[in-house]
Amino acid sequence: MYERMADDIKEKESLNLKIYIHDTIGRSLLTIRDIIASGEDTDQKIASLQEAVGVLTSDRTSPRSSMEQVKQAAKALGVTVQVEGYLPPDSNAEQLIVTAAKECVTNCVKHAGGSLVRIHIVQRNGLYDITITNDGTIPTEPIREGSGLTSLRRSIEAACGEMYTAYKPCFALLITLPEKENDL
């Protein structure tokens, strides 16, 4: 049992690091694409890219970040993140939604060509129901999960949560998480 627990911990830490690297590289590539597509604010965009590269080369041991950091990174990509509702700060639920927000911002730019990501959080019956949408192009077929959404799904399910994607009438990432920290 102890060997399995150690393996589970290593796997979770490895997954968290992979998610963090995936998100950072995705934002960097989107910034590069944005710099190439537009000559406006090039210095600011290059500074954002250098910051992202600096994060990858730092001795950072924890991939934790805040929703404010997500909003700032999204702004550098030309995306506004609107959050309605509340999650306890520094909770596992908040960290999972921050991770989901990063993935949704990246996918909004990369796949939908959007500029707004909305996160709606409702607390009910001991659960958090989170809906993440964007203003981009509406998908015409079911969402195929890549490595980012698949990693996110694994993290959410490991926290006793559920995750669904919808494409009609618009894209939506639907997440349900237990409210109590010890349930995560």
N, C-alpha and C. Protein backbone atom coordinates (compact mmCIF):
# COMPACT_ATOMS: atom_id res chain seq x y z
N MET A 1 0.82 -1.18 0.00
CA MET A 1 0.00 0.00 0.00
C MET A 1 0.88 1.26 0.00
N TYR A 2 1.94 1.24 0.81
CA TYR A 2 2.82 2.41 0.87
C TYR A 2 3.55 2.63 -0.45
N GLU A 3 3.93 1.54 -1.12
CA GLU A 3 4.59 1.68 -2.42
C GLU A 3 3.64 2.30 -3.44
N ARG A 4 2.38 1.85 -3.42
CA ARG A 4 1.39 2.40 -4.35
C ARG A 4 1.14 3.87 -4.05
N MET A 5 1.08 4.25 -2.75
CA MET A 5 0.86 5.63 -2.38
C MET A 5 2.01 6.51 -2.89
N ALA A 6 3.23 6.04 -2.73
CA ALA A 6 4.39 6.80 -3.22
C ALA A 6 4.33 6.95 -4.74
N ASP A 7 3.93 5.88 -5.43
CA ASP A 7 3.80 5.95 -6.90
C ASP A 7 2.70 6.94 -7.30
N ASP A 8 1.58 6.92 -6.56
CA ASP A 8 0.49 7.85 -6.85
C ASP A 8 0.93 9.29 -6.67
N ILE A 9 1.67 9.57 -5.61
CA ILE A 9 2.15 10.93 -5.35
C ILE A 9 3.10 11.37 -6.46
N LYS A 10 4.03 10.51 -6.85
CA LYS A 10 4.96 10.84 -7.93
C LYS A 10 4.21 11.10 -9.23
N GLU A 11 3.21 10.26 -9.52
CA GLU A 11 2.44 10.43 -10.74
C GLU A 11 1.68 11.76 -10.73
N LYS A 12 1.09 12.11 -9.59
CA LYS A 12 0.35 13.37 -9.49
C LYS A 12 1.29 14.57 -9.67
N GLU A 13 2.46 14.53 -9.03
CA GLU A 13 3.42 15.63 -9.17
C GLU A 13 3.89 15.74 -10.61
N SER A 14 4.14 14.61 -11.24
CA SER A 14 4.57 14.61 -12.64
C SER A 14 3.48 15.18 -13.55
N LEU A 15 2.24 14.79 -13.30
CA LEU A 15 1.12 15.30 -14.09
C LEU A 15 0.97 16.81 -13.92
N ASN A 16 1.07 17.29 -12.68
CA ASN A 16 0.97 18.73 -12.44
C ASN A 16 2.06 19.49 -13.17
N LEU A 17 3.26 18.98 -13.16
CA LEU A 17 4.36 19.64 -13.86
C LEU A 17 4.13 19.62 -15.37
N LYS A 18 3.64 18.51 -15.89
CA LYS A 18 3.36 18.42 -17.33
C LYS A 18 2.28 19.42 -17.73
N ILE A 19 1.24 19.56 -16.92
CA ILE A 19 0.18 20.52 -17.20
C ILE A 19 0.76 21.93 -17.21
N TYR A 20 1.58 22.24 -16.23
CA TYR A 20 2.19 23.56 -16.12
C TYR A 20 3.04 23.86 -17.36
N ILE A 21 3.88 22.92 -17.76
CA ILE A 21 4.74 23.12 -18.93
C ILE A 21 3.89 23.26 -20.19
N HIS A 22 2.88 22.42 -20.33
CA HIS A 22 1.97 22.50 -21.49
C HIS A 22 1.34 23.88 -21.59
N ASP A 23 0.83 24.39 -20.47
CA ASP A 23 0.18 25.70 -20.47
C ASP A 23 1.15 26.81 -20.81
N THR A 24 2.34 26.77 -20.23
CA THR A 24 3.33 27.82 -20.45
C THR A 24 3.82 27.82 -21.90
N ILE A 25 4.09 26.65 -22.44
CA ILE A 25 4.53 26.57 -23.84
C ILE A 25 3.40 27.01 -24.76
N GLY A 26 2.17 26.60 -24.46
CA GLY A 26 1.02 27.02 -25.28
C GLY A 26 0.87 28.53 -25.31
N ARG A 27 0.96 29.17 -24.13
CA ARG A 27 0.84 30.63 -24.09
C ARG A 27 1.99 31.28 -24.85
N SER A 28 3.19 30.71 -24.74
CA SER A 28 4.35 31.27 -25.45
C SER A 28 4.16 31.18 -26.95
N LEU A 29 3.69 30.04 -27.43
CA LEU A 29 3.47 29.88 -28.86
C LEU A 29 2.39 30.82 -29.37
N LEU A 30 1.34 30.99 -28.58
CA LEU A 30 0.28 31.92 -28.98
C LEU A 30 0.80 33.36 -29.01
N THR A 31 1.67 33.71 -28.07
CA THR A 31 2.27 35.04 -28.05
C THR A 31 3.13 35.25 -29.29
N ILE A 32 3.91 34.24 -29.65
CA ILE A 32 4.75 34.33 -30.85
C ILE A 32 3.87 34.53 -32.08
N ARG A 33 2.80 33.76 -32.18
CA ARG A 33 1.88 33.90 -33.31
C ARG A 33 1.29 35.30 -33.35
N ASP A 34 0.94 35.83 -32.19
CA ASP A 34 0.36 37.17 -32.10
C ASP A 34 1.39 38.23 -32.52
N ILE A 35 2.64 38.06 -32.12
CA ILE A 35 3.69 39.00 -32.50
C ILE A 35 3.87 39.00 -34.02
N ILE A 36 3.86 37.81 -34.61
CA ILE A 36 4.03 37.70 -36.06
C ILE A 36 2.85 38.34 -36.79
N ALA A 37 1.63 38.11 -36.28
CA ALA A 37 0.42 38.59 -36.95
C ALA A 37 0.24 40.10 -36.83
N SER A 38 0.78 40.72 -35.79
CA SER A 38 0.53 42.13 -35.55
C SER A 38 1.80 42.82 -35.09
N GLY A 39 2.07 43.97 -35.66
CA GLY A 39 3.24 44.74 -35.25
C GLY A 39 2.97 45.63 -34.06
N GLU A 40 1.72 45.67 -33.57
CA GLU A 40 1.35 46.55 -32.47
C GLU A 40 1.84 45.98 -31.14
N ASP A 41 2.32 46.86 -30.28
CA ASP A 41 2.76 46.50 -28.93
C ASP A 41 3.77 45.35 -28.93
N THR A 42 4.62 45.30 -29.94
CA THR A 42 5.58 44.21 -30.07
C THR A 42 6.49 44.13 -28.86
N ASP A 43 6.95 45.28 -28.35
CA ASP A 43 7.84 45.26 -27.19
C ASP A 43 7.16 44.63 -25.98
N GLN A 44 5.90 44.97 -25.76
CA GLN A 44 5.16 44.41 -24.63
C GLN A 44 4.96 42.90 -24.82
N LYS A 45 4.67 42.47 -26.03
CA LYS A 45 4.47 41.05 -26.29
C LYS A 45 5.76 40.27 -26.12
N ILE A 46 6.86 40.85 -26.56
CA ILE A 46 8.16 40.19 -26.38
C ILE A 46 8.49 40.08 -24.90
N ALA A 47 8.18 41.11 -24.12
CA ALA A 47 8.40 41.07 -22.67
C ALA A 47 7.57 39.95 -22.05
N SER A 48 6.33 39.78 -22.49
CA SER A 48 5.48 38.70 -21.98
C SER A 48 6.06 37.34 -22.32
N LEU A 49 6.56 37.22 -23.54
CA LEU A 49 7.18 35.97 -23.96
C LEU A 49 8.43 35.67 -23.14
N GLN A 50 9.26 36.70 -22.91
CA GLN A 50 10.46 36.51 -22.11
C GLN A 50 10.11 36.09 -20.69
N GLU A 51 9.02 36.63 -20.16
CA GLU A 51 8.57 36.25 -18.82
C GLU A 51 8.18 34.78 -18.80
N ALA A 52 7.46 34.34 -19.83
CA ALA A 52 7.06 32.93 -19.90
C ALA A 52 8.27 32.02 -20.02
N VAL A 53 9.24 32.41 -20.84
CA VAL A 53 10.46 31.62 -20.98
C VAL A 53 11.23 31.60 -19.67
N GLY A 54 11.25 32.73 -18.98
CA GLY A 54 11.92 32.81 -17.68
C GLY A 54 11.29 31.88 -16.66
N VAL A 55 9.98 31.74 -16.71
CA VAL A 55 9.30 30.83 -15.79
C VAL A 55 9.73 29.40 -16.09
N LEU A 56 9.85 29.04 -17.36
CA LEU A 56 10.25 27.69 -17.71
C LEU A 56 11.68 27.38 -17.28
N THR A 57 12.55 28.37 -17.30
CA THR A 57 13.94 28.12 -16.96
C THR A 57 14.26 28.39 -15.50
N SER A 58 13.27 28.78 -14.70
CA SER A 58 13.52 29.06 -13.29
C SER A 58 13.56 27.77 -12.49
N ASP A 59 13.90 27.90 -11.22
CA ASP A 59 13.96 26.76 -10.32
C ASP A 59 12.63 26.57 -9.60
N ARG A 60 11.58 26.96 -10.23
CA ARG A 60 10.25 26.87 -9.63
C ARG A 60 9.92 25.41 -9.35
N THR A 61 9.48 25.13 -8.13
CA THR A 61 9.18 23.75 -7.76
C THR A 61 7.69 23.46 -7.77
N SER A 62 6.86 24.48 -7.66
CA SER A 62 5.42 24.27 -7.62
C SER A 62 4.76 24.99 -8.78
N PRO A 63 3.92 24.28 -9.53
CA PRO A 63 3.25 24.92 -10.66
C PRO A 63 1.99 25.69 -10.27
N ARG A 64 1.79 26.00 -9.01
CA ARG A 64 0.59 26.71 -8.55
C ARG A 64 0.62 28.15 -9.02
N SER A 65 -0.54 28.64 -9.39
CA SER A 65 -0.68 30.04 -9.76
C SER A 65 -2.08 30.50 -9.38
N SER A 66 -2.33 31.78 -9.55
CA SER A 66 -3.61 32.36 -9.14
C SER A 66 -4.42 32.76 -10.37
N MET A 67 -5.69 33.03 -10.14
CA MET A 67 -6.57 33.47 -11.23
C MET A 67 -6.09 34.83 -11.74
N GLU A 68 -5.56 35.67 -10.86
CA GLU A 68 -5.03 36.97 -11.31
C GLU A 68 -3.88 36.77 -12.29
N GLN A 69 -3.02 35.79 -12.04
CA GLN A 69 -1.92 35.52 -12.97
C GLN A 69 -2.46 35.02 -14.31
N VAL A 70 -3.51 34.21 -14.27
CA VAL A 70 -4.14 33.73 -15.50
C VAL A 70 -4.70 34.92 -16.28
N LYS A 71 -5.37 35.83 -15.57
CA LYS A 71 -5.95 37.01 -16.23
C LYS A 71 -4.87 37.86 -16.89
N GLN A 72 -3.74 38.03 -16.21
CA GLN A 72 -2.64 38.84 -16.77
C GLN A 72 -2.05 38.16 -18.00
N ALA A 73 -1.82 36.85 -17.92
CA ALA A 73 -1.27 36.12 -19.06
C ALA A 73 -2.26 36.15 -20.23
N ALA A 74 -3.55 36.01 -19.93
CA ALA A 74 -4.57 36.06 -20.98
C ALA A 74 -4.60 37.42 -21.64
N LYS A 75 -4.48 38.47 -20.83
CA LYS A 75 -4.50 39.84 -21.37
C LYS A 75 -3.37 40.03 -22.38
N ALA A 76 -2.20 39.44 -22.09
CA ALA A 76 -1.06 39.54 -23.01
C ALA A 76 -1.37 38.86 -24.34
N LEU A 77 -2.31 37.90 -24.31
CA LEU A 77 -2.71 37.21 -25.54
C LEU A 77 -3.92 37.85 -26.19
N GLY A 78 -4.43 38.94 -25.60
CA GLY A 78 -5.59 39.62 -26.15
C GLY A 78 -6.91 39.00 -25.71
N VAL A 79 -6.90 38.28 -24.59
CA VAL A 79 -8.10 37.62 -24.08
C VAL A 79 -8.46 38.19 -22.72
N THR A 80 -9.73 38.49 -22.53
CA THR A 80 -10.24 38.94 -21.24
C THR A 80 -10.85 37.73 -20.54
N VAL A 81 -10.55 37.57 -19.25
CA VAL A 81 -11.13 36.49 -18.45
C VAL A 81 -12.08 37.13 -17.44
N GLN A 82 -13.35 36.73 -17.50
CA GLN A 82 -14.36 37.22 -16.55
C GLN A 82 -14.74 36.07 -15.62
N VAL A 83 -14.69 36.33 -14.31
CA VAL A 83 -15.04 35.31 -13.32
C VAL A 83 -16.23 35.80 -12.53
N GLU A 84 -17.27 34.97 -12.47
CA GLU A 84 -18.45 35.27 -11.67
C GLU A 84 -18.62 34.11 -10.68
N GLY A 85 -18.64 34.44 -9.40
CA GLY A 85 -18.75 33.41 -8.37
C GLY A 85 -17.50 33.38 -7.52
N TYR A 86 -17.46 32.42 -6.61
CA TYR A 86 -16.38 32.40 -5.62
C TYR A 86 -15.92 30.98 -5.35
N LEU A 87 -14.61 30.83 -5.23
CA LEU A 87 -13.98 29.61 -4.73
C LEU A 87 -13.04 30.04 -3.61
N PRO A 88 -12.92 29.24 -2.55
CA PRO A 88 -12.01 29.61 -1.47
C PRO A 88 -10.58 29.74 -2.00
N PRO A 89 -9.89 30.84 -1.64
CA PRO A 89 -8.51 31.01 -2.11
C PRO A 89 -7.61 29.93 -1.54
N ASP A 90 -6.58 29.59 -2.28
CA ASP A 90 -5.59 28.60 -1.89
C ASP A 90 -6.18 27.22 -1.62
N SER A 91 -7.31 26.93 -2.25
CA SER A 91 -7.92 25.61 -2.11
C SER A 91 -7.58 24.76 -3.33
N ASN A 92 -7.76 23.46 -3.20
CA ASN A 92 -7.55 22.58 -4.35
C ASN A 92 -8.56 22.88 -5.45
N ALA A 93 -9.79 23.21 -5.06
CA ALA A 93 -10.81 23.55 -6.06
C ALA A 93 -10.38 24.77 -6.86
N GLU A 94 -9.87 25.78 -6.17
CA GLU A 94 -9.42 26.98 -6.87
C GLU A 94 -8.28 26.64 -7.83
N GLN A 95 -7.33 25.83 -7.38
CA GLN A 95 -6.19 25.50 -8.24
C GLN A 95 -6.63 24.73 -9.47
N LEU A 96 -7.60 23.84 -9.32
CA LEU A 96 -8.10 23.10 -10.48
C LEU A 96 -8.79 24.04 -11.47
N ILE A 97 -9.51 25.02 -10.98
CA ILE A 97 -10.20 25.95 -11.87
C ILE A 97 -9.19 26.90 -12.52
N VAL A 98 -8.15 27.27 -11.80
CA VAL A 98 -7.08 28.07 -12.41
C VAL A 98 -6.45 27.29 -13.56
N THR A 99 -6.19 26.01 -13.34
CA THR A 99 -5.63 25.16 -14.39
C THR A 99 -6.60 25.05 -15.57
N ALA A 100 -7.89 24.90 -15.27
CA ALA A 100 -8.90 24.83 -16.34
C ALA A 100 -8.95 26.15 -17.11
N ALA A 101 -8.85 27.26 -16.39
CA ALA A 101 -8.89 28.57 -17.03
C ALA A 101 -7.71 28.74 -17.99
N LYS A 102 -6.52 28.32 -17.55
CA LYS A 102 -5.34 28.40 -18.43
C LYS A 102 -5.59 27.62 -19.72
N GLU A 103 -6.08 26.41 -19.58
CA GLU A 103 -6.33 25.57 -20.75
C GLU A 103 -7.38 26.19 -21.66
N CYS A 104 -8.44 26.74 -21.06
CA CYS A 104 -9.51 27.34 -21.85
C CYS A 104 -9.06 28.62 -22.56
N VAL A 105 -8.20 29.41 -21.93
CA VAL A 105 -7.67 30.61 -22.60
C VAL A 105 -6.84 30.19 -23.81
N THR A 106 -5.96 29.22 -23.61
CA THR A 106 -5.13 28.73 -24.71
C THR A 106 -6.00 28.21 -25.84
N ASN A 107 -6.98 27.39 -25.51
CA ASN A 107 -7.85 26.81 -26.54
C ASN A 107 -8.75 27.86 -27.20
N CYS A 108 -9.15 28.87 -26.44
CA CYS A 108 -9.97 29.95 -26.99
C CYS A 108 -9.22 30.65 -28.13
N VAL A 109 -7.96 30.95 -27.90
CA VAL A 109 -7.16 31.62 -28.91
C VAL A 109 -6.81 30.67 -30.05
N LYS A 110 -6.34 29.49 -29.68
CA LYS A 110 -5.81 28.54 -30.67
C LYS A 110 -6.91 27.96 -31.57
N HIS A 111 -8.02 27.55 -30.98
CA HIS A 111 -9.04 26.83 -31.74
C HIS A 111 -10.26 27.67 -32.11
N ALA A 112 -10.63 28.63 -31.24
CA ALA A 112 -11.88 29.36 -31.47
C ALA A 112 -11.67 30.78 -31.96
N GLY A 113 -10.45 31.29 -31.86
CA GLY A 113 -10.20 32.65 -32.31
C GLY A 113 -10.95 33.69 -31.49
N GLY A 114 -11.19 33.39 -30.21
CA GLY A 114 -11.97 34.28 -29.36
C GLY A 114 -11.11 35.26 -28.58
N SER A 115 -11.80 36.15 -27.86
CA SER A 115 -11.11 37.16 -27.06
C SER A 115 -11.71 37.30 -25.66
N LEU A 116 -12.65 36.42 -25.31
CA LEU A 116 -13.29 36.49 -23.99
C LEU A 116 -13.55 35.08 -23.47
N VAL A 117 -13.10 34.82 -22.24
CA VAL A 117 -13.39 33.56 -21.56
C VAL A 117 -14.18 33.90 -20.31
N ARG A 118 -15.33 33.25 -20.16
CA ARG A 118 -16.20 33.48 -19.01
C ARG A 118 -16.17 32.26 -18.11
N ILE A 119 -16.01 32.50 -16.80
CA ILE A 119 -16.01 31.42 -15.81
C ILE A 119 -17.14 31.72 -14.83
N HIS A 120 -18.11 30.83 -14.76
CA HIS A 120 -19.27 31.01 -13.89
C HIS A 120 -19.23 29.91 -12.82
N ILE A 121 -19.20 30.31 -11.54
CA ILE A 121 -19.08 29.38 -10.43
C ILE A 121 -20.34 29.48 -9.57
N VAL A 122 -20.97 28.34 -9.32
CA VAL A 122 -22.16 28.28 -8.48
C VAL A 122 -21.92 27.23 -7.39
N GLN A 123 -22.23 27.59 -6.17
CA GLN A 123 -22.10 26.67 -5.04
C GLN A 123 -23.50 26.16 -4.69
N ARG A 124 -23.67 24.84 -4.67
CA ARG A 124 -24.97 24.27 -4.32
C ARG A 124 -24.80 22.85 -3.79
N ASN A 125 -25.54 22.54 -2.74
CA ASN A 125 -25.58 21.18 -2.18
C ASN A 125 -24.21 20.55 -1.97
N GLY A 126 -23.27 21.32 -1.44
CA GLY A 126 -21.94 20.78 -1.16
C GLY A 126 -21.04 20.62 -2.37
N LEU A 127 -21.44 21.23 -3.49
CA LEU A 127 -20.66 21.11 -4.72
C LEU A 127 -20.43 22.49 -5.33
N TYR A 128 -19.38 22.58 -6.13
CA TYR A 128 -19.16 23.74 -6.98
C TYR A 128 -19.45 23.30 -8.40
N ASP A 129 -20.34 24.01 -9.08
CA ASP A 129 -20.58 23.80 -10.50
C ASP A 129 -19.93 24.95 -11.25
N ILE A 130 -19.00 24.62 -12.12
CA ILE A 130 -18.24 25.63 -12.85
C ILE A 130 -18.51 25.44 -14.35
N THR A 131 -18.85 26.52 -15.01
CA THR A 131 -19.05 26.51 -16.46
C THR A 131 -18.09 27.52 -17.07
N ILE A 132 -17.30 27.06 -18.03
CA ILE A 132 -16.35 27.93 -18.72
C ILE A 132 -16.73 27.96 -20.19
N THR A 133 -16.96 29.18 -20.70
CA THR A 133 -17.32 29.37 -22.10
C THR A 133 -16.41 30.42 -22.72
N ASN A 134 -16.53 30.61 -24.03
CA ASN A 134 -15.78 31.68 -24.69
C ASN A 134 -16.64 32.28 -25.80
N ASP A 135 -16.15 33.40 -26.35
CA ASP A 135 -16.89 34.09 -27.41
C ASP A 135 -16.37 33.75 -28.80
N GLY A 136 -15.61 32.68 -28.90
CA GLY A 136 -15.02 32.31 -30.18
C GLY A 136 -15.99 31.59 -31.10
N THR A 137 -15.44 31.10 -32.18
CA THR A 137 -16.21 30.36 -33.17
C THR A 137 -16.86 29.15 -32.51
N ILE A 138 -18.13 28.95 -32.80
CA ILE A 138 -18.87 27.83 -32.22
C ILE A 138 -18.44 26.54 -32.92
N PRO A 139 -18.07 25.51 -32.13
CA PRO A 139 -17.65 24.24 -32.74
C PRO A 139 -18.80 23.61 -33.54
N THR A 140 -18.45 22.91 -34.59
CA THR A 140 -19.46 22.24 -35.42
C THR A 140 -19.56 20.76 -35.12
N GLU A 141 -18.65 20.25 -34.32
CA GLU A 141 -18.65 18.83 -33.96
C GLU A 141 -18.17 18.67 -32.53
N PRO A 142 -18.38 17.48 -31.96
CA PRO A 142 -17.95 17.28 -30.57
C PRO A 142 -16.47 17.61 -30.37
N ILE A 143 -16.15 18.07 -29.16
CA ILE A 143 -14.78 18.45 -28.81
C ILE A 143 -13.94 17.18 -28.66
N ARG A 144 -12.81 17.15 -29.35
CA ARG A 144 -11.86 16.05 -29.17
C ARG A 144 -10.80 16.51 -28.19
N GLU A 145 -10.65 15.78 -27.13
CA GLU A 145 -9.69 16.17 -26.09
C GLU A 145 -8.27 15.90 -26.55
N GLY A 146 -7.43 16.94 -26.42
CA GLY A 146 -6.01 16.77 -26.63
C GLY A 146 -5.36 16.51 -25.28
N SER A 147 -4.06 16.65 -25.23
CA SER A 147 -3.35 16.35 -23.98
C SER A 147 -3.72 17.31 -22.86
N GLY A 148 -4.01 18.57 -23.18
CA GLY A 148 -4.35 19.55 -22.15
C GLY A 148 -5.66 19.22 -21.45
N LEU A 149 -6.73 19.00 -22.21
CA LEU A 149 -8.02 18.67 -21.61
C LEU A 149 -8.00 17.29 -20.94
N THR A 150 -7.27 16.35 -21.53
CA THR A 150 -7.17 15.02 -20.93
C THR A 150 -6.45 15.08 -19.58
N SER A 151 -5.38 15.84 -19.50
CA SER A 151 -4.67 16.00 -18.22
C SER A 151 -5.56 16.69 -17.20
N LEU A 152 -6.30 17.69 -17.65
CA LEU A 152 -7.22 18.39 -16.77
C LEU A 152 -8.29 17.43 -16.25
N ARG A 153 -8.85 16.62 -17.13
CA ARG A 153 -9.87 15.64 -16.73
C ARG A 153 -9.31 14.70 -15.65
N ARG A 154 -8.12 14.21 -15.84
CA ARG A 154 -7.52 13.30 -14.86
C ARG A 154 -7.37 13.98 -13.50
N SER A 155 -6.93 15.22 -13.51
CA SER A 155 -6.78 15.96 -12.25
C SER A 155 -8.12 16.16 -11.56
N ILE A 156 -9.13 16.51 -12.33
CA ILE A 156 -10.46 16.74 -11.76
C ILE A 156 -11.05 15.44 -11.23
N GLU A 157 -10.92 14.36 -11.97
CA GLU A 157 -11.44 13.08 -11.51
C GLU A 157 -10.68 12.58 -10.29
N ALA A 158 -9.38 12.85 -10.21
CA ALA A 158 -8.60 12.48 -9.03
C ALA A 158 -9.07 13.23 -7.79
N ALA A 159 -9.69 14.39 -8.00
CA ALA A 159 -10.22 15.20 -6.90
C ALA A 159 -11.70 14.90 -6.66
N CYS A 160 -12.17 13.74 -7.15
CA CYS A 160 -13.57 13.32 -6.98
C CYS A 160 -14.54 14.25 -7.70
N GLY A 161 -14.07 14.88 -8.76
CA GLY A 161 -14.93 15.76 -9.55
C GLY A 161 -15.30 15.13 -10.88
N GLU A 162 -16.07 15.88 -11.65
CA GLU A 162 -16.49 15.44 -12.98
C GLU A 162 -16.24 16.56 -13.98
N MET A 163 -15.96 16.20 -15.22
CA MET A 163 -15.74 17.19 -16.26
C MET A 163 -16.41 16.72 -17.55
N TYR A 164 -17.12 17.64 -18.19
CA TYR A 164 -17.77 17.36 -19.46
C TYR A 164 -17.49 18.52 -20.42
N THR A 165 -17.47 18.21 -21.70
CA THR A 165 -17.37 19.27 -22.71
C THR A 165 -18.65 19.26 -23.53
N ALA A 166 -19.10 20.45 -23.88
CA ALA A 166 -20.28 20.60 -24.73
C ALA A 166 -19.88 21.45 -25.93
N TYR A 167 -20.54 21.22 -27.05
CA TYR A 167 -20.27 22.04 -28.23
C TYR A 167 -21.53 22.69 -28.79
N LYS A 168 -22.70 22.28 -28.29
CA LYS A 168 -23.96 22.88 -28.71
C LYS A 168 -24.67 23.45 -27.50
N PRO A 169 -25.21 24.60 -27.52
CA PRO A 169 -25.26 25.58 -28.61
C PRO A 169 -23.95 26.35 -28.76
N CYS A 170 -23.02 26.18 -27.80
CA CYS A 170 -21.70 26.79 -27.92
C CYS A 170 -20.74 25.94 -27.09
N PHE A 171 -19.44 26.24 -27.21
CA PHE A 171 -18.47 25.50 -26.41
C PHE A 171 -18.70 25.79 -24.93
N ALA A 172 -18.64 24.74 -24.12
CA ALA A 172 -18.68 24.91 -22.67
C ALA A 172 -17.91 23.78 -22.03
N LEU A 173 -17.11 24.13 -21.05
CA LEU A 173 -16.43 23.14 -20.22
C LEU A 173 -17.19 23.14 -18.90
N LEU A 174 -17.75 21.99 -18.54
CA LEU A 174 -18.58 21.87 -17.35
C LEU A 174 -17.84 21.04 -16.31
N ILE A 175 -17.63 21.62 -15.14
CA ILE A 175 -16.86 20.96 -14.08
C ILE A 175 -17.68 20.98 -12.80
N THR A 176 -17.70 19.85 -12.11
CA THR A 176 -18.32 19.76 -10.79
C THR A 176 -17.26 19.26 -9.82
N LEU A 177 -17.10 19.99 -8.70
CA LEU A 177 -16.12 19.62 -7.67
C LEU A 177 -16.79 19.63 -6.31
N PRO A 178 -16.35 18.74 -5.41
CA PRO A 178 -16.89 18.78 -4.05
C PRO A 178 -16.44 20.06 -3.34
N GLU A 179 -17.34 20.60 -2.51
CA GLU A 179 -17.05 21.83 -1.80
C GLU A 179 -16.01 21.64 -0.69
N LYS A 180 -16.14 20.55 0.06
CA LYS A 180 -15.25 20.34 1.20
C LYS A 180 -13.87 19.91 0.74
N GLU A 181 -12.86 20.55 1.31
CA GLU A 181 -11.48 20.29 0.96
C GLU A 181 -11.12 18.82 1.19
N ASN A 182 -11.62 18.23 2.27
CA ASN A 182 -11.27 16.84 2.53
C ASN A 182 -11.95 15.86 1.56
N ASP A 183 -12.92 16.35 0.79
CA ASP A 183 -13.53 15.53 -0.25
C ASP A 183 -12.72 15.54 -1.53
N LEU A 184 -11.76 16.48 -1.62
CA LEU A 184 -10.96 16.57 -2.85
C LEU A 184 -9.86 15.55 -2.85
